[in-house]
Amino acid sequence: MPSVVADSVVNLCGAIGLAVAAVMLHRRDPRGPQTARLVALLALVASLFLLRGIAWWTDNSTLDRISLIPAALIPLGALIVTEGLLRRHAHRRLKVAALVGGGVLALAGALGPVELENVHTAMLSAFQLAGFAVCAVLLIGRGRADLLAWENRAIDRVAFGAVLVIPFIITDFRVLAPDMPVRLGALGALLAVTAILLAGANDETQRQGVLLTVLRIVGAALLGAAAAALSADVDAAQLMRHCAVAVAGVLAIGLMGDALRAVLEARQPGVLDSIGASAATTRDALIVELARQPIFESARRYREADLAAYDPPLLRDFLAARRVLRRADAPWGLAATDPAVERMVALMTARHATHVIVLSHDPVDLIVLAVSVISADPATETALALVRRLLVQAPEAS
């Protein structure tokens, strides 16, 4: 049936995405006190989605019953993570309720009579929803003064993720949502874990991450709708299934891509990493070290004596208030016929340069380089600005 296939695929995507997220968090801070809690919870939820996905795909009732064990333990795992975020213990009664309730429901789901399946499903759904609601209340009602600013920001996003996932969880229980064309619990988990991963970044990275996530979701939904339109008998239910599968798949692939990029970037030191690890102490030595990086391989230093053909005295005032010049920004706020602008454009044109780093304006001391259009992004511009500061502070060779 299409609904069974869609449910299975969404859950398998959720299992993959959460497993990748667990690896990413462990890699970021393998010995952090909160890392172990988050990784354990993600592994628990991932095992639930994996068991469900396989069980529904193969119509294996045994695996389906086994999947109820991690499902019942999720509220306990969420409460343990909440304690770590708040840096204090939850009320003893809450922990006892999560532990005992989870244990009883896990055993009843795995070993209980099939005749009570609907009753167990209703109790499990109420238990899970109550657990997430309690965690959200604890996070929202915390004492902000007891935590650091960055901790409060991270908790706000985690609390948002906990609230966000509740309506998705409801769709996993046919007792509560009998008419849903596809179960969306795994999709909600993927959205929540994406929010958690973004919470650890700085503000600018968070904004970029949110925009990228929105782009992925919208693009995937449109792709799912287009795929559904290929069917002759498409209806609203089929459209929703295609969109859910596409969005879950794209989010899982996005997490895998982010994880792989992080691994590759760690293996390939960047410009600033190379300078930081270098033993170079003089400006010329640092420039030699920079030349080993792809974006600086065309870099050449020009002192005032090398620029005699470009009228250095005329360039001094022009360069006095400038740090890094981009060819694309010419004429840099002046008239294109300004003599200094004309000479700088001529210099960059003659050297096929895209950027000029101003080390000094009196005497004139420049680094001229060409950055490939493939490498021209905001991160590269930031790296050039930081490299300039390091070079300016470095002493000349004696």
Protein backbone atom coordinates (compact mmCIF):
# COMPACT_ATOMS: atom_id res chain seq x y z
CA MET A 1 0.00 0.00 0.00
CA PRO A 2 1.24 3.54 -0.72
CA SER A 3 0.69 4.64 2.89
CA VAL A 4 2.82 1.79 4.25
CA VAL A 5 5.64 2.54 1.82
CA ALA A 6 5.52 6.26 2.66
CA ASP A 7 5.50 5.57 6.42
CA SER A 8 8.47 3.23 6.08
CA VAL A 9 10.54 5.58 3.93
CA VAL A 10 9.91 8.58 6.20
CA ASN A 11 10.94 6.56 9.26
CA LEU A 12 14.06 5.16 7.59
CA CYS A 13 15.07 8.70 6.57
CA GLY A 14 14.48 9.79 10.15
CA ALA A 15 16.68 6.98 11.46
CA ILE A 16 19.51 7.90 9.08
CA GLY A 17 19.23 11.63 9.80
CA LEU A 18 19.22 11.21 13.58
CA ALA A 19 22.12 8.75 13.49
CA VAL A 20 24.16 11.26 11.46
CA ALA A 21 23.20 14.04 13.87
CA ALA A 22 24.38 11.92 16.81
CA VAL A 23 27.74 11.38 15.12
CA MET A 24 28.04 15.11 14.37
CA LEU A 25 27.34 16.08 17.98
CA HIS A 26 29.80 13.52 19.32
CA ARG A 27 32.44 14.75 16.91
CA ARG A 28 31.93 18.37 17.94
CA ASP A 29 32.41 17.70 21.65
CA PRO A 30 33.15 14.03 22.39
CA ARG A 31 33.69 14.54 26.13
CA GLY A 32 31.12 17.23 26.81
CA PRO A 33 28.77 16.54 29.75
CA GLN A 34 25.71 17.22 27.61
CA THR A 35 26.95 15.36 24.54
CA ALA A 36 26.47 11.87 25.98
CA ARG A 37 22.87 12.68 26.95
CA LEU A 38 21.96 14.05 23.52
CA VAL A 39 23.71 11.25 21.65
CA ALA A 40 21.96 8.60 23.76
CA LEU A 41 18.56 10.19 23.13
CA LEU A 42 19.18 10.50 19.40
CA ALA A 43 20.36 6.88 19.24
CA LEU A 44 17.22 5.77 21.09
CA VAL A 45 14.90 7.65 18.72
CA ALA A 46 16.89 6.51 15.67
CA SER A 47 16.52 2.89 16.76
CA LEU A 48 12.77 3.42 17.06
CA PHE A 49 12.51 4.80 13.52
CA LEU A 50 14.76 2.08 12.13
CA LEU A 51 12.75 -0.73 13.73
CA ARG A 52 9.48 0.84 12.65
CA GLY A 53 10.64 1.43 9.10
CA ILE A 54 11.81 -2.15 8.65
CA ALA A 55 8.78 -3.61 10.45
CA TRP A 56 6.24 -1.71 8.37
CA TRP A 57 8.10 -2.32 5.10
CA THR A 58 8.34 -6.09 5.71
CA ASP A 59 5.07 -6.43 7.63
CA ASN A 60 6.99 -7.93 10.54
CA SER A 61 4.79 -7.82 13.65
CA THR A 62 7.63 -8.93 15.95
CA LEU A 63 9.84 -5.98 15.03
CA ASP A 64 6.84 -3.69 15.32
CA ARG A 65 6.29 -4.80 18.92
CA ILE A 66 9.99 -4.53 19.74
CA SER A 67 9.95 -0.94 18.46
CA LEU A 68 7.56 -0.09 21.30
CA ILE A 69 10.43 -0.48 23.79
CA PRO A 70 12.46 2.56 22.61
CA ALA A 71 9.17 4.42 22.01
CA ALA A 72 8.25 4.06 25.68
CA LEU A 73 11.70 5.14 26.90
CA ILE A 74 11.84 8.39 24.89
CA PRO A 75 10.20 10.56 27.60
CA LEU A 76 12.83 9.38 30.10
CA GLY A 77 15.62 10.23 27.65
CA ALA A 78 14.08 13.65 26.96
CA LEU A 79 13.88 14.38 30.69
CA ILE A 80 17.55 13.42 31.17
CA VAL A 81 18.56 15.78 28.35
CA THR A 82 16.41 18.53 29.90
CA GLU A 83 18.22 18.10 33.22
CA GLY A 84 21.54 18.51 31.45
CA LEU A 85 20.41 21.66 29.66
CA LEU A 86 19.15 23.24 32.88
CA ARG A 87 22.16 22.03 34.88
CA ARG A 88 19.90 20.86 37.68
CA HIS A 89 17.87 17.78 38.57
CA ALA A 90 14.20 17.52 37.75
CA HIS A 91 11.75 16.75 40.54
CA ARG A 92 12.17 13.21 41.83
CA ARG A 93 8.53 12.33 41.11
CA LEU A 94 8.95 13.27 37.46
CA LYS A 95 11.95 10.99 37.09
CA VAL A 96 10.20 8.11 38.85
CA ALA A 97 7.12 8.57 36.64
CA ALA A 98 9.26 8.63 33.46
CA LEU A 99 11.24 5.56 34.55
CA VAL A 100 8.37 3.44 35.86
CA GLY A 101 5.90 4.51 33.18
CA GLY A 102 8.44 3.89 30.42
CA GLY A 103 9.39 0.48 31.79
CA VAL A 104 5.80 -0.68 32.18
CA LEU A 105 4.75 0.51 28.73
CA ALA A 106 7.87 -1.03 27.15
CA LEU A 107 7.15 -4.44 28.67
CA ALA A 108 3.43 -4.22 27.91
CA GLY A 109 4.12 -3.30 24.30
CA ALA A 110 6.64 -6.05 23.71
CA LEU A 111 5.02 -8.85 25.73
CA GLY A 112 1.40 -7.80 26.34
CA PRO A 113 -1.63 -9.37 24.66
CA VAL A 114 -2.47 -8.26 21.15
CA GLU A 115 -6.10 -7.67 22.19
CA LEU A 116 -4.99 -4.66 24.25
CA GLU A 117 -3.00 -3.09 21.42
CA ASN A 118 -5.36 -0.11 21.00
CA VAL A 119 -5.37 0.56 24.73
CA HIS A 120 -1.58 0.41 24.83
CA THR A 121 -1.31 2.76 21.84
CA ALA A 122 -3.57 5.31 23.52
CA MET A 123 -1.59 5.13 26.78
CA LEU A 124 1.77 5.33 24.98
CA SER A 125 0.70 8.35 22.95
CA ALA A 126 -0.54 10.15 26.08
CA PHE A 127 2.69 9.24 27.90
CA GLN A 128 4.91 10.55 25.10
CA LEU A 129 2.96 13.75 24.63
CA ALA A 130 2.92 14.40 28.38
CA GLY A 131 6.67 13.77 28.55
CA PHE A 132 7.46 16.26 25.78
CA ALA A 133 5.06 18.81 27.25
CA VAL A 134 6.67 18.53 30.69
CA CYS A 135 10.16 18.97 29.21
CA ALA A 136 9.00 22.00 27.23
CA VAL A 137 7.46 23.57 30.37
CA LEU A 138 10.66 22.97 32.35
CA LEU A 139 12.78 24.55 29.64
CA ILE A 140 10.50 27.54 29.10
CA GLY A 141 9.95 28.18 32.82
CA ARG A 142 13.62 27.95 33.82
CA GLY A 143 15.48 30.59 35.81
CA ARG A 144 17.29 32.51 33.08
CA ALA A 145 19.57 34.26 35.56
CA ASP A 146 21.09 30.92 36.57
CA LEU A 147 22.35 30.19 33.06
CA LEU A 148 24.73 31.84 30.64
CA ALA A 149 23.41 33.86 27.70
CA TRP A 150 24.44 31.28 25.09
CA GLU A 151 22.83 28.52 27.19
CA ASN A 152 19.55 30.44 27.28
CA ARG A 153 19.63 30.91 23.51
CA ALA A 154 20.30 27.21 22.94
CA ILE A 155 17.55 26.16 25.34
CA ASP A 156 15.04 28.46 23.62
CA ARG A 157 15.67 26.63 20.36
CA VAL A 158 15.54 23.20 21.96
CA ALA A 159 12.25 24.12 23.68
CA PHE A 160 10.94 25.29 20.32
CA GLY A 161 11.99 21.95 18.83
CA ALA A 162 10.19 20.06 21.62
CA VAL A 163 6.97 21.99 21.02
CA LEU A 164 7.38 21.67 17.25
CA VAL A 165 7.64 17.89 17.34
CA ILE A 166 4.41 17.34 19.36
CA PRO A 167 1.91 17.67 16.47
CA PHE A 168 4.12 15.43 14.33
CA ILE A 169 4.14 12.76 17.06
CA ILE A 170 0.34 12.78 17.11
CA THR A 171 0.27 11.59 13.50
CA ASP A 172 2.22 8.46 14.44
CA PHE A 173 -0.73 7.14 16.44
CA ARG A 174 -3.68 5.99 14.36
CA VAL A 175 -5.87 6.22 17.46
CA LEU A 176 -5.33 9.99 17.55
CA ALA A 177 -5.07 10.68 13.81
CA PRO A 178 -6.85 7.86 11.95
CA ASP A 179 -7.20 9.79 8.70
CA MET A 180 -3.58 10.91 8.27
CA PRO A 181 -2.21 9.69 4.88
CA VAL A 182 1.34 9.40 6.26
CA ARG A 183 2.92 9.30 9.72
CA LEU A 184 5.11 12.37 10.27
CA GLY A 185 6.82 11.69 13.63
CA ALA A 186 10.18 11.02 11.99
CA LEU A 187 9.86 14.16 9.88
CA GLY A 188 9.22 16.21 13.02
CA ALA A 189 12.29 14.67 14.65
CA LEU A 190 14.41 15.64 11.64
CA LEU A 191 13.19 19.23 11.91
CA ALA A 192 13.83 19.30 15.67
CA VAL A 193 17.35 17.91 15.42
CA THR A 194 18.16 20.40 12.66
CA ALA A 195 17.09 23.19 15.02
CA ILE A 196 19.29 21.73 17.79
CA LEU A 197 22.34 21.60 15.52
CA LEU A 198 21.77 25.21 14.47
CA ALA A 199 21.49 26.30 18.10
CA GLY A 200 25.21 25.74 18.66
CA ALA A 201 26.30 28.16 15.92
CA ASN A 202 26.77 31.93 16.01
CA ASP A 203 23.96 34.29 15.01
CA GLU A 204 25.07 34.73 11.39
CA THR A 205 25.58 31.00 10.90
CA GLN A 206 22.17 30.36 12.44
CA ARG A 207 20.49 32.73 10.01
CA GLN A 208 22.25 31.07 7.11
CA GLY A 209 21.31 27.64 8.43
CA VAL A 210 17.66 28.61 8.81
CA LEU A 211 17.53 29.98 5.27
CA LEU A 212 19.22 26.84 3.92
CA THR A 213 16.80 24.59 5.83
CA VAL A 214 13.78 26.54 4.55
CA LEU A 215 15.16 26.28 1.02
CA ARG A 216 15.60 22.53 1.42
CA ILE A 217 12.07 22.05 2.77
CA VAL A 218 10.37 24.21 0.15
CA GLY A 219 12.40 22.70 -2.68
CA ALA A 220 11.73 19.16 -1.49
CA ALA A 221 8.00 19.83 -1.11
CA LEU A 222 7.82 21.21 -4.63
CA LEU A 223 9.75 18.19 -5.91
CA GLY A 224 7.35 15.85 -4.11
CA ALA A 225 4.37 17.68 -5.55
CA ALA A 226 5.86 17.43 -9.04
CA ALA A 227 6.44 13.70 -8.58
CA ALA A 228 2.85 13.24 -7.40
CA ALA A 229 1.57 15.12 -10.43
CA LEU A 230 3.09 12.43 -12.68
CA SER A 231 0.48 9.98 -11.40
CA ALA A 232 -2.84 9.91 -13.22
CA ASP A 233 -4.92 9.30 -10.09
CA VAL A 234 -3.25 11.79 -7.75
CA ASP A 235 -5.30 13.03 -4.80
CA ALA A 236 -4.61 15.07 -1.65
CA ALA A 237 -3.45 12.01 0.31
CA GLN A 238 -1.04 10.94 -2.40
CA LEU A 239 0.26 14.49 -2.71
CA MET A 240 0.95 14.63 1.03
CA ARG A 241 2.77 11.28 0.96
CA HIS A 242 5.03 12.37 -1.90
CA CYS A 243 5.84 15.67 -0.18
CA ALA A 244 6.55 13.99 3.17
CA VAL A 245 8.88 11.44 1.60
CA ALA A 246 10.70 14.11 -0.40
CA VAL A 247 11.14 16.46 2.57
CA ALA A 248 12.31 13.67 4.89
CA GLY A 249 14.76 12.43 2.28
CA VAL A 250 16.17 15.89 1.56
CA LEU A 251 16.60 16.68 5.27
CA ALA A 252 18.40 13.37 5.85
CA ILE A 253 20.63 13.93 2.82
CA GLY A 254 21.28 17.49 3.99
CA LEU A 255 22.45 16.26 7.39
CA MET A 256 24.71 13.70 5.71
CA GLY A 257 26.12 16.39 3.40
CA ASP A 258 26.78 18.74 6.32
CA ALA A 259 28.51 15.99 8.25
CA LEU A 260 30.70 14.98 5.31
CA ARG A 261 31.63 18.61 4.61
CA ALA A 262 32.66 19.06 8.25
CA VAL A 263 34.89 15.98 8.06
CA LEU A 264 36.53 17.08 4.82
CA GLU A 265 37.09 20.62 6.07
CA ALA A 266 38.73 19.27 9.21
CA ARG A 267 41.13 17.19 7.13
CA GLN A 268 42.01 20.14 4.90
CA PRO A 269 43.27 23.03 7.06
CA GLY A 270 42.07 26.45 5.96
CA VAL A 271 44.09 29.60 5.45
CA LEU A 272 43.87 30.80 9.04
CA ASP A 273 44.52 27.30 10.41
CA SER A 274 47.69 27.05 8.33
CA ILE A 275 48.95 30.44 9.51
CA GLY A 276 48.13 29.58 13.11
CA ALA A 277 50.12 26.34 12.89
CA SER A 278 53.00 27.93 10.99
CA ALA A 279 56.34 28.73 12.59
CA ALA A 280 56.73 31.83 10.40
CA THR A 281 57.39 35.01 12.37
CA THR A 282 58.11 37.65 9.71
CA ARG A 283 55.85 39.19 7.08
CA ASP A 284 57.72 37.67 4.14
CA ALA A 285 57.70 34.23 5.78
CA LEU A 286 53.96 34.46 6.33
CA ILE A 287 53.43 35.45 2.70
CA VAL A 288 55.42 32.39 1.61
CA GLU A 289 53.22 30.26 3.86
CA LEU A 290 50.10 31.85 2.40
CA ALA A 291 51.25 31.11 -1.15
CA ARG A 292 50.76 27.40 -0.42
CA GLN A 293 47.01 27.98 -0.12
CA PRO A 294 44.97 27.80 -3.35
CA ILE A 295 43.41 31.26 -2.99
CA PHE A 296 46.84 32.85 -2.42
CA GLU A 297 48.87 30.96 -5.00
CA SER A 298 48.79 33.97 -7.35
CA ALA A 299 49.60 36.49 -4.61
CA ARG A 300 52.54 38.82 -5.16
CA ARG A 301 53.84 41.57 -2.93
CA TYR A 302 54.47 45.03 -4.40
CA ARG A 303 56.42 47.61 -2.46
CA GLU A 304 56.57 51.26 -3.42
CA ALA A 305 59.68 50.78 -5.55
CA ASP A 306 57.85 48.11 -7.58
CA LEU A 307 54.99 50.51 -8.29
CA ALA A 308 56.92 53.39 -9.83
CA ALA A 309 54.86 53.16 -13.04
CA TYR A 310 51.64 53.68 -11.07
CA ASP A 311 52.59 56.93 -9.29
CA PRO A 312 52.86 55.80 -5.63
CA PRO A 313 52.53 59.37 -4.22
CA LEU A 314 49.12 59.59 -5.90
CA LEU A 315 48.04 56.26 -4.46
CA ARG A 316 48.91 57.11 -0.85
CA ASP A 317 45.85 59.22 -0.07
CA PHE A 318 43.62 56.83 -1.99
CA LEU A 319 44.84 53.83 0.04
CA ALA A 320 44.94 55.58 3.41
CA ALA A 321 41.41 54.57 4.46
CA ARG A 322 41.21 51.27 2.61
CA ARG A 323 42.09 47.74 3.70
CA VAL A 324 41.09 45.26 0.98
CA LEU A 325 40.09 46.35 -2.53
CA ARG A 326 37.84 44.20 -4.73
CA ARG A 327 37.96 44.70 -8.48
CA ALA A 328 34.20 44.19 -8.58
CA ASP A 329 33.71 47.25 -6.32
CA ALA A 330 35.60 49.68 -8.57
CA PRO A 331 35.66 52.70 -8.55
CA TRP A 332 35.37 52.31 -4.76
CA GLY A 333 33.10 55.28 -4.15
CA LEU A 334 35.00 57.68 -6.40
CA ALA A 335 34.64 58.77 -10.01
CA ALA A 336 35.89 56.27 -12.55
CA THR A 337 38.07 59.03 -14.03
CA ASP A 338 39.82 59.72 -10.73
CA PRO A 339 43.59 59.41 -11.38
CA ALA A 340 44.18 57.13 -8.37
CA VAL A 341 41.28 54.89 -9.39
CA GLU A 342 42.58 54.69 -12.95
CA ARG A 343 46.03 53.63 -11.74
CA MET A 344 44.67 51.03 -9.32
CA VAL A 345 42.41 49.58 -12.01
CA ALA A 346 45.36 49.49 -14.39
CA LEU A 347 47.47 47.65 -11.79
CA MET A 348 44.75 45.05 -11.16
CA THR A 349 44.11 44.64 -14.88
CA ALA A 350 47.80 44.19 -15.67
CA ARG A 351 48.14 41.50 -12.99
CA HIS A 352 44.73 39.88 -13.72
CA ALA A 353 43.93 40.56 -10.07
CA THR A 354 40.60 40.48 -8.29
CA HIS A 355 41.80 41.75 -4.91
CA VAL A 356 44.45 44.06 -3.47
CA ILE A 357 45.39 43.81 0.20
CA VAL A 358 46.74 47.10 1.56
CA LEU A 359 49.50 46.47 4.07
CA SER A 360 50.63 50.10 4.17
CA HIS A 361 49.78 53.32 2.36
CA ASP A 362 52.93 55.25 3.26
CA PRO A 363 55.10 53.80 1.95
CA VAL A 364 52.81 51.90 -0.39
CA ASP A 365 52.94 48.16 0.29
CA LEU A 366 50.41 45.89 -1.40
CA ILE A 367 49.61 42.26 -2.01
CA VAL A 368 47.93 41.70 -5.35
CA LEU A 369 46.13 38.43 -5.99
CA ALA A 370 43.47 36.77 -8.12
CA VAL A 371 40.72 34.79 -6.38
CA SER A 372 38.92 32.25 -8.54
CA VAL A 373 35.22 32.82 -8.98
CA ILE A 374 34.71 29.34 -7.50
CA SER A 375 36.36 30.47 -4.25
CA ALA A 376 34.82 33.95 -4.15
CA ASP A 377 32.38 33.79 -1.25
CA PRO A 378 31.84 35.70 2.03
CA ALA A 379 34.08 33.29 3.93
CA THR A 380 36.96 34.05 1.56
CA GLU A 381 36.42 37.80 1.95
CA THR A 382 36.53 37.41 5.71
CA ALA A 383 39.70 35.32 5.47
CA LEU A 384 41.38 38.03 3.35
CA ALA A 385 40.49 40.71 5.90
CA LEU A 386 41.85 38.63 8.78
CA VAL A 387 45.01 37.72 6.85
CA ARG A 388 45.64 41.42 6.26
CA ARG A 389 45.50 42.11 9.99
CA LEU A 390 47.94 39.31 10.71
CA LEU A 391 50.36 40.52 8.04
CA VAL A 392 50.18 44.13 9.19
CA GLN A 393 51.11 43.09 12.72
CA ALA A 394 53.93 40.80 11.59
CA PRO A 395 57.43 42.38 11.71
CA GLU A 396 59.62 42.79 8.66
CA ALA A 397 62.70 40.60 8.40
CA SER A 398 65.66 42.24 10.07
